[in-house]
Structures are given as C-alpha cells and as structure tokens.
C-alpha cells in the first residue's frame, strides 16, 4: 500500500511531523519536571475577574442624556459612588428595576 501513496512532504512539513511525533516525550518531560506542590485553592486571575465582573451590582441612574430624537445615554453609578465599568461598543447590560406593585 505504501507504494501507492504519492505524497511529498516539504522540509517544513517534515519538521512539523517530527515535532508532533516527539510531543509525548516533551510533555512527559514537562510533567516530570513540574512541582508536586498542591495547586492553590483560588487563582489570582479568577479573584480579579470576580471583582471586576460581579454577578450582581446595585446601581443608580446618575444622568440621562438625550442623543437625538430616539436615543438616550443612561449613565449608571454604583451606590457607593464610583462609576460602573466602562462598556465596549456593542456590549450589553441586563438591568432590572424594582416594580411599584401589580
């Protein structure tokens, strides 16, 4: 069957194949060299993400700007004063407001 294959591997392709073939050896070496210390309970990156992206945040409407006949900008601030994080164009925020009753 090998004589039926007409496949040429270029120099870069051969190097990629060699690198792929040796990958288990490289991974095993990295695993053996790794520390046996237990992983931390929480990671700094995850803690920062929780602070910057809370599940819920209480805000108040600080300002409403009219941006034409059919568009408004609503500026929100947290209850303790600092502004809420700046949104990127196209991002969305889900808002809920307490109702006055049925």
N, C-alpha and C. Protein backbone atom coordinates (compact mmCIF):
# COMPACT_ATOMS: atom_id res chain seq x y z
N UNK A 1 0.82 -1.19 0.00
CA UNK A 1 0.00 0.00 0.00
C UNK A 1 0.87 1.25 0.00
N UNK A 2 2.00 1.21 0.67
CA UNK A 2 2.87 2.38 0.76
C UNK A 2 3.36 2.80 -0.62
N UNK A 3 3.50 1.83 -1.54
CA UNK A 3 3.98 2.20 -2.87
C UNK A 3 2.92 2.93 -3.69
N UNK A 4 1.66 2.89 -3.27
CA UNK A 4 0.58 3.57 -3.97
C UNK A 4 0.46 5.04 -3.56
N UNK A 5 1.01 5.38 -2.43
CA UNK A 5 0.90 6.75 -1.96
C UNK A 5 1.89 7.63 -2.69
N UNK A 6 1.41 8.72 -3.20
CA UNK A 6 2.28 9.66 -3.91
C UNK A 6 2.19 10.99 -3.18
N UNK A 7 2.76 11.04 -2.01
CA UNK A 7 2.64 12.22 -1.15
C UNK A 7 4.03 12.72 -0.82
N UNK A 8 4.28 13.98 -1.13
CA UNK A 8 5.57 14.57 -0.84
C UNK A 8 5.43 15.51 0.35
N UNK A 9 6.35 15.41 1.26
CA UNK A 9 6.36 16.26 2.44
C UNK A 9 7.50 17.25 2.28
N UNK A 10 7.18 18.53 2.32
CA UNK A 10 8.21 19.55 2.23
C UNK A 10 9.04 19.58 3.51
N UNK A 11 10.12 20.35 3.48
CA UNK A 11 11.04 20.43 4.61
C UNK A 11 10.32 20.89 5.88
N UNK A 12 9.51 21.94 5.76
CA UNK A 12 8.79 22.45 6.94
C UNK A 12 7.79 21.43 7.43
N UNK A 13 7.09 20.76 6.49
CA UNK A 13 6.14 19.72 6.88
C UNK A 13 6.81 18.58 7.61
N UNK A 14 8.01 18.20 7.18
CA UNK A 14 8.75 17.12 7.83
C UNK A 14 9.11 17.53 9.26
N UNK A 15 9.50 18.78 9.43
CA UNK A 15 9.84 19.25 10.78
C UNK A 15 8.61 19.25 11.67
N UNK A 16 7.46 19.67 11.11
CA UNK A 16 6.22 19.65 11.89
C UNK A 16 5.85 18.23 12.30
N UNK A 17 6.01 17.29 11.37
CA UNK A 17 5.69 15.90 11.68
C UNK A 17 6.63 15.36 12.76
N UNK A 18 7.91 15.71 12.68
CA UNK A 18 8.88 15.28 13.67
C UNK A 18 8.55 15.88 15.04
N UNK A 19 8.18 17.16 15.05
CA UNK A 19 7.80 17.83 16.30
C UNK A 19 6.56 17.16 16.90
N UNK A 20 5.59 16.84 16.04
CA UNK A 20 4.37 16.17 16.51
C UNK A 20 4.69 14.78 17.06
N UNK A 21 5.59 14.05 16.39
CA UNK A 21 5.97 12.71 16.83
C UNK A 21 6.65 12.74 18.20
N UNK A 22 7.44 13.79 18.45
CA UNK A 22 8.17 13.89 19.71
C UNK A 22 7.37 14.56 20.83
N UNK A 23 6.17 15.02 20.53
CA UNK A 23 5.38 15.74 21.53
C UNK A 23 5.14 14.94 22.82
N UNK A 24 4.81 13.64 22.77
CA UNK A 24 4.63 12.91 24.03
C UNK A 24 5.87 12.92 24.91
N UNK A 25 7.05 12.83 24.32
CA UNK A 25 8.30 12.86 25.09
C UNK A 25 8.47 14.22 25.77
N UNK A 26 8.19 15.28 25.03
CA UNK A 26 8.32 16.63 25.57
C UNK A 26 7.32 16.84 26.71
N UNK A 27 6.09 16.39 26.50
CA UNK A 27 5.07 16.53 27.55
C UNK A 27 5.44 15.74 28.79
N UNK A 28 5.90 14.53 28.61
CA UNK A 28 6.28 13.69 29.76
C UNK A 28 7.42 14.34 30.53
N UNK A 29 8.37 14.93 29.83
CA UNK A 29 9.49 15.61 30.48
C UNK A 29 8.98 16.81 31.30
N UNK A 30 8.04 17.55 30.74
CA UNK A 30 7.47 18.70 31.45
C UNK A 30 6.68 18.25 32.68
N UNK A 31 5.96 17.16 32.56
CA UNK A 31 5.19 16.63 33.70
C UNK A 31 6.12 16.19 34.81
N UNK A 32 7.19 15.50 34.45
CA UNK A 32 8.15 15.03 35.45
C UNK A 32 8.88 16.19 36.13
N UNK A 33 9.09 17.28 35.41
CA UNK A 33 9.81 18.44 35.97
C UNK A 33 8.89 19.35 36.80
N UNK A 34 7.58 19.13 36.73
CA UNK A 34 6.63 20.00 37.43
C UNK A 34 6.72 19.79 38.94
N UNK A 35 6.33 20.81 39.67
CA UNK A 35 6.33 20.75 41.12
C UNK A 35 5.23 19.81 41.61
N UNK A 36 5.47 19.16 42.72
CA UNK A 36 4.45 18.28 43.30
C UNK A 36 3.62 19.02 44.35
N UNK A 37 3.86 20.31 44.51
CA UNK A 37 3.09 21.11 45.46
C UNK A 37 1.63 21.17 45.00
N UNK A 38 0.70 21.16 45.95
CA UNK A 38 -0.71 21.22 45.55
C UNK A 38 -1.05 22.56 44.90
N UNK A 39 -2.02 22.54 44.02
CA UNK A 39 -2.45 23.77 43.36
C UNK A 39 -3.16 24.67 44.36
N UNK A 40 -3.11 25.99 44.16
CA UNK A 40 -3.80 26.90 45.08
C UNK A 40 -5.31 26.71 44.99
N UNK A 41 -5.99 27.02 46.09
CA UNK A 41 -7.46 26.89 46.13
C UNK A 41 -8.10 27.86 45.15
N UNK A 42 -7.58 29.08 45.07
CA UNK A 42 -8.10 30.06 44.11
C UNK A 42 -6.92 30.69 43.39
N UNK A 43 -7.16 31.11 42.18
CA UNK A 43 -6.13 31.76 41.39
C UNK A 43 -6.36 33.27 41.40
N UNK A 44 -5.28 34.03 41.40
CA UNK A 44 -5.36 35.49 41.43
C UNK A 44 -6.20 36.02 40.28
N UNK A 45 -6.02 35.45 39.11
CA UNK A 45 -6.78 35.90 37.94
C UNK A 45 -8.28 35.73 38.16
N UNK A 46 -8.68 34.60 38.74
CA UNK A 46 -10.10 34.36 39.00
C UNK A 46 -10.65 35.34 40.03
N UNK A 47 -9.86 35.66 41.04
CA UNK A 47 -10.31 36.60 42.07
C UNK A 47 -10.49 38.00 41.47
N UNK A 48 -9.56 38.42 40.62
CA UNK A 48 -9.69 39.72 39.96
C UNK A 48 -10.92 39.75 39.06
N UNK A 49 -11.16 38.66 38.35
CA UNK A 49 -12.33 38.59 37.46
C UNK A 49 -13.63 38.70 38.26
N UNK A 50 -13.68 38.08 39.43
CA UNK A 50 -14.89 38.17 40.27
C UNK A 50 -15.12 39.60 40.73
N UNK A 51 -14.05 40.31 41.05
CA UNK A 51 -14.17 41.70 41.49
C UNK A 51 -14.64 42.59 40.34
N UNK A 52 -14.10 42.37 39.16
CA UNK A 52 -14.41 43.24 38.01
C UNK A 52 -15.72 42.89 37.34
N UNK A 53 -16.18 41.66 37.49
CA UNK A 53 -17.41 41.21 36.85
C UNK A 53 -18.32 40.54 37.88
N UNK A 54 -18.87 41.33 38.80
CA UNK A 54 -19.72 40.72 39.81
C UNK A 54 -20.99 40.15 39.19
N UNK A 55 -21.55 39.16 39.86
CA UNK A 55 -22.78 38.55 39.37
C UNK A 55 -23.94 39.54 39.42
N UNK A 56 -23.91 40.40 40.43
CA UNK A 56 -24.97 41.39 40.60
C UNK A 56 -24.34 42.65 41.14
N UNK A 57 -24.81 43.80 40.67
CA UNK A 57 -24.28 45.08 41.14
C UNK A 57 -25.43 46.07 41.26
N UNK A 58 -25.57 46.67 42.42
CA UNK A 58 -26.60 47.67 42.65
C UNK A 58 -26.11 49.00 42.09
N UNK A 59 -26.90 49.63 41.23
CA UNK A 59 -26.53 50.92 40.64
C UNK A 59 -27.71 51.88 40.70
N UNK A 60 -27.38 53.15 40.53
CA UNK A 60 -28.41 54.18 40.45
C UNK A 60 -28.19 54.95 39.15
N UNK A 61 -29.27 55.54 38.64
CA UNK A 61 -29.17 56.34 37.42
C UNK A 61 -28.60 57.69 37.83
N UNK A 62 -27.41 58.02 37.32
CA UNK A 62 -26.75 59.28 37.66
C UNK A 62 -27.13 60.38 36.68
N UNK A 63 -27.35 59.99 35.42
CA UNK A 63 -27.63 61.01 34.41
C UNK A 63 -28.31 60.35 33.21
N UNK A 64 -29.23 61.08 32.58
CA UNK A 64 -29.84 60.64 31.33
C UNK A 64 -29.59 61.73 30.30
N UNK A 65 -28.92 61.36 29.20
CA UNK A 65 -28.60 62.33 28.15
C UNK A 65 -29.42 62.00 26.90
N UNK A 66 -30.02 63.00 26.32
CA UNK A 66 -30.76 62.82 25.07
C UNK A 66 -29.76 62.88 23.92
N UNK A 67 -29.71 61.84 23.08
CA UNK A 67 -28.77 61.77 21.95
C UNK A 67 -29.52 61.83 20.62
N UNK A 68 -30.49 62.63 20.52
CA UNK A 68 -31.29 62.71 19.30
C UNK A 68 -32.74 62.41 19.63
N UNK A 69 -33.55 62.29 18.59
CA UNK A 69 -34.99 62.11 18.79
C UNK A 69 -35.34 60.75 19.41
N UNK A 70 -34.56 59.73 19.10
CA UNK A 70 -34.94 58.40 19.56
C UNK A 70 -33.80 57.63 20.24
N UNK A 71 -32.84 58.33 20.82
CA UNK A 71 -31.74 57.66 21.50
C UNK A 71 -31.36 58.41 22.78
N UNK A 72 -31.04 57.63 23.81
CA UNK A 72 -30.63 58.21 25.09
C UNK A 72 -29.41 57.47 25.61
N UNK A 73 -28.60 58.17 26.37
CA UNK A 73 -27.50 57.56 27.10
C UNK A 73 -27.87 57.62 28.57
N UNK A 74 -27.82 56.49 29.23
CA UNK A 74 -28.13 56.42 30.65
C UNK A 74 -26.82 56.11 31.37
N UNK A 75 -26.39 57.04 32.24
CA UNK A 75 -25.15 56.88 32.98
C UNK A 75 -25.50 56.27 34.34
N UNK A 76 -24.86 55.14 34.64
CA UNK A 76 -25.10 54.45 35.90
C UNK A 76 -23.90 54.58 36.81
N UNK A 77 -24.16 54.69 38.11
CA UNK A 77 -23.09 54.69 39.11
C UNK A 77 -23.46 53.69 40.19
N UNK A 78 -22.43 53.13 40.81
CA UNK A 78 -22.70 52.23 41.92
C UNK A 78 -23.21 53.04 43.09
N UNK A 79 -23.89 52.40 44.02
CA UNK A 79 -24.49 53.12 45.14
C UNK A 79 -23.46 53.82 46.02
N UNK A 80 -22.23 53.30 46.06
CA UNK A 80 -21.21 53.94 46.91
C UNK A 80 -20.40 54.99 46.16
N UNK A 81 -20.79 55.32 44.93
CA UNK A 81 -20.18 56.46 44.26
C UNK A 81 -19.39 56.22 43.00
N UNK A 82 -18.43 55.27 42.95
CA UNK A 82 -17.63 55.17 41.74
C UNK A 82 -18.48 54.75 40.53
N UNK A 83 -18.11 55.20 39.34
CA UNK A 83 -18.88 54.82 38.16
C UNK A 83 -18.76 53.33 37.86
N UNK A 84 -19.76 52.82 37.19
CA UNK A 84 -19.69 51.41 36.80
C UNK A 84 -18.64 51.27 35.70
N UNK A 85 -18.10 50.07 35.50
CA UNK A 85 -17.05 49.88 34.49
C UNK A 85 -17.52 50.33 33.11
N UNK A 86 -16.61 50.89 32.34
CA UNK A 86 -16.94 51.38 31.00
C UNK A 86 -17.26 50.21 30.08
N UNK A 87 -18.31 50.36 29.32
CA UNK A 87 -18.71 49.30 28.38
C UNK A 87 -18.05 49.52 27.03
N UNK A 88 -17.81 48.44 26.34
CA UNK A 88 -17.28 48.49 24.99
C UNK A 88 -18.44 48.64 24.00
N UNK A 89 -18.20 49.24 22.85
CA UNK A 89 -19.26 49.35 21.85
C UNK A 89 -19.84 47.97 21.51
N UNK A 90 -21.14 47.89 21.50
CA UNK A 90 -21.82 46.64 21.19
C UNK A 90 -22.06 45.74 22.39
N UNK A 91 -21.51 46.11 23.55
CA UNK A 91 -21.75 45.28 24.73
C UNK A 91 -23.13 45.58 25.30
N UNK A 92 -23.64 44.67 26.09
CA UNK A 92 -24.96 44.85 26.67
C UNK A 92 -24.91 44.65 28.17
N UNK A 93 -25.88 45.21 28.84
CA UNK A 93 -26.04 45.01 30.27
C UNK A 93 -27.49 44.67 30.53
N UNK A 94 -27.72 43.70 31.36
CA UNK A 94 -29.08 43.35 31.74
C UNK A 94 -29.44 44.16 32.98
N UNK A 95 -30.56 44.83 32.93
CA UNK A 95 -30.98 45.67 34.03
C UNK A 95 -32.34 45.21 34.54
N UNK A 96 -32.51 45.30 35.83
CA UNK A 96 -33.80 45.00 36.44
C UNK A 96 -34.10 46.12 37.41
N UNK A 97 -35.34 46.52 37.49
CA UNK A 97 -35.70 47.58 38.43
C UNK A 97 -36.86 47.08 39.29
N UNK A 98 -36.89 47.53 40.54
CA UNK A 98 -37.99 47.11 41.40
C UNK A 98 -39.30 47.69 40.88
N UNK A 99 -40.34 46.90 40.93
CA UNK A 99 -41.63 47.39 40.46
C UNK A 99 -42.41 47.99 41.61
N UNK A 100 -43.33 48.85 41.26
CA UNK A 100 -44.16 49.51 42.27
C UNK A 100 -45.32 48.63 42.71
N UNK A 101 -45.43 47.49 42.14
CA UNK A 101 -46.52 46.59 42.50
C UNK A 101 -47.34 46.23 41.31
N UNK A 102 -48.31 45.29 41.47
CA UNK A 102 -49.11 44.83 40.33
C UNK A 102 -50.09 45.87 39.83
